[in-house]
Protein backbone atom coordinates (compact mmCIF):
# COMPACT_ATOMS: atom_id res chain seq x y z
CA MET A 1 6.54 13.11 9.61
CA THR A 2 5.08 13.01 13.10
CA ASN A 3 1.41 13.59 13.80
CA LYS A 4 -1.10 12.83 16.52
CA HIS A 5 -0.87 9.12 15.57
CA GLY A 6 2.91 8.96 15.98
CA ARG A 7 5.51 8.58 13.30
CA GLU A 8 4.29 7.87 9.78
CA TYR A 9 5.79 5.06 7.74
CA ARG A 10 5.93 4.09 4.09
CA LEU A 11 6.80 1.02 2.08
CA ILE A 12 9.53 1.12 -0.54
CA VAL A 13 8.94 -1.70 -2.99
CA GLU A 14 10.79 -2.96 -6.04
CA GLY A 15 9.35 -4.83 -8.96
CA LEU A 16 9.71 -5.13 -12.70
CA TYR A 17 6.85 -2.79 -13.58
CA GLN A 18 7.27 -0.28 -16.38
CA ASN A 19 5.21 2.49 -14.81
CA GLU A 20 2.98 3.46 -11.88
CA SER A 21 -0.16 2.26 -13.59
CA GLU A 22 1.21 -1.24 -14.10
CA ALA A 23 2.51 -1.43 -10.52
CA ARG A 24 -0.79 -0.11 -9.12
CA ARG A 25 -2.70 -2.74 -11.09
CA ALA A 26 -0.34 -5.42 -9.73
CA LEU A 27 -0.98 -4.10 -6.21
CA HIS A 28 -4.77 -4.10 -6.62
CA ASP A 29 -5.42 -7.25 -8.65
CA PRO A 30 -4.86 -10.02 -6.07
CA PHE A 31 -6.93 -8.25 -3.43
CA ILE A 32 -9.72 -7.49 -5.90
CA GLU A 33 -9.69 -11.14 -7.05
CA GLU A 34 -10.12 -12.31 -3.44
CA TRP A 35 -12.95 -9.81 -2.99
CA VAL A 36 -14.73 -11.08 -6.11
CA GLU A 37 -14.35 -14.70 -4.95
CA LYS A 38 -16.01 -13.77 -1.63
CA LYS A 39 -18.57 -11.22 -2.78
CA GLY A 40 -19.28 -12.13 -6.39
CA ARG A 41 -18.50 -8.77 -7.98
CA PHE A 42 -16.41 -5.66 -7.63
CA ARG A 43 -17.15 -1.97 -8.05
CA ILE A 44 -14.62 0.83 -7.77
CA HIS A 45 -16.09 2.09 -4.46
CA ASN A 46 -15.26 -1.32 -2.96
CA LEU A 47 -11.57 -0.33 -2.84
CA ASP A 48 -12.29 1.39 0.48
CA GLU A 49 -13.89 -1.81 1.82
CA ILE A 50 -11.11 -4.22 0.81
CA GLU A 51 -8.72 -4.66 3.72
CA VAL A 52 -5.09 -5.28 2.83
CA ALA A 53 -4.25 -5.50 6.53
CA LYS A 54 -6.24 -4.79 9.68
CA GLY A 55 -7.26 -1.14 9.55
CA VAL A 56 -5.75 -0.49 6.09
CA SER A 57 -8.00 -0.47 3.04
CA LEU A 58 -6.79 -0.92 -0.50
CA GLY A 59 -8.38 2.42 -1.38
CA SER A 60 -6.29 4.22 1.25
CA LEU A 61 -2.97 3.19 -0.29
CA ILE A 62 -1.28 5.32 -2.91
CA LEU A 63 1.60 4.11 -5.02
CA THR A 64 4.07 6.40 -6.76
CA MET A 65 7.14 5.63 -8.82
CA ILE A 66 10.31 7.03 -7.25
CA ASP A 67 12.89 5.42 -9.52
CA GLU A 68 13.10 2.78 -12.21
CA ASP A 69 11.42 -0.35 -10.78
CA THR A 70 11.12 1.34 -7.35
CA PHE A 71 7.85 2.56 -5.87
CA GLU A 72 6.61 4.16 -2.68
CA ILE A 73 3.39 3.07 -1.00
CA LEU A 74 1.81 5.20 1.69
CA SER A 75 -1.56 6.11 3.11
CA ASN A 76 -3.54 8.88 1.49
CA ASP A 77 -5.73 9.19 4.61
CA VAL A 78 -4.31 11.90 6.91
CA ASN A 79 -6.49 10.57 9.73
CA LEU A 80 -5.15 7.01 9.34
CA PRO A 81 -1.48 7.16 8.35
CA LEU A 82 0.61 4.03 8.17
CA THR A 83 2.08 3.43 11.60
CA GLU A 84 5.06 1.11 11.80
CA LYS A 85 2.79 -1.78 12.83
CA LYS A 86 0.31 -1.16 9.99
CA ALA A 87 3.11 -0.73 7.45
CA ARG A 88 4.64 -4.06 8.52
CA MET A 89 1.23 -5.78 8.25
CA VAL A 90 0.80 -4.35 4.73
CA ALA A 91 4.32 -5.54 3.86
CA GLU A 92 3.44 -9.06 5.05
CA ALA A 93 0.25 -9.06 2.96
CA LEU A 94 2.22 -7.96 -0.11
CA GLN A 95 4.83 -10.66 0.51
CA ARG A 96 2.09 -13.31 0.74
CA GLN A 97 0.73 -12.12 -2.60
CA ALA A 98 4.25 -12.06 -4.15
CA ILE A 99 3.53 -8.75 -5.84
CA PHE A 100 6.96 -7.13 -5.44
CA ASP A 101 10.50 -8.50 -5.38
CA GLU A 102 11.69 -6.35 -2.46
CA ILE A 103 9.63 -4.69 0.28
CA ASP A 104 11.08 -2.37 2.90
CA VAL A 105 9.31 -0.44 5.64
CA GLU A 106 10.81 2.90 6.56
CA PRO A 107 9.79 6.03 8.43
CA MET A 108 8.74 9.06 6.45
CA GLU A 109 11.40 11.74 6.37
CA GLU A 110 10.94 14.62 8.78
CA GLU A 111 9.90 17.83 7.08
CA ALA A 112 12.43 20.63 7.36
CA THR A 113 11.18 23.59 9.37
């Protein structure tokens, strides 16, 4: 998908999680733990304040299951989609946290017109 920000990207990740909820929790937990260590407590509205990578908040990422043990992560903010650079920075952050076994960055498919 192309928009005013350029081509939109997504992350395809693999991990031994039984469902979306478990994978989402695995995605959130290390970043929330860091937030709590710095700030002392966490509230659900803090998801939008927790930066996974520069310009990408934890609250702006959505995770969906696309196959067994395979998930898609993309931005739910139409004004701030994942550019290739942002997607690669998110991938690096996820690799540092060792959340998923495999992490690939790929462009979103073009919509048929």
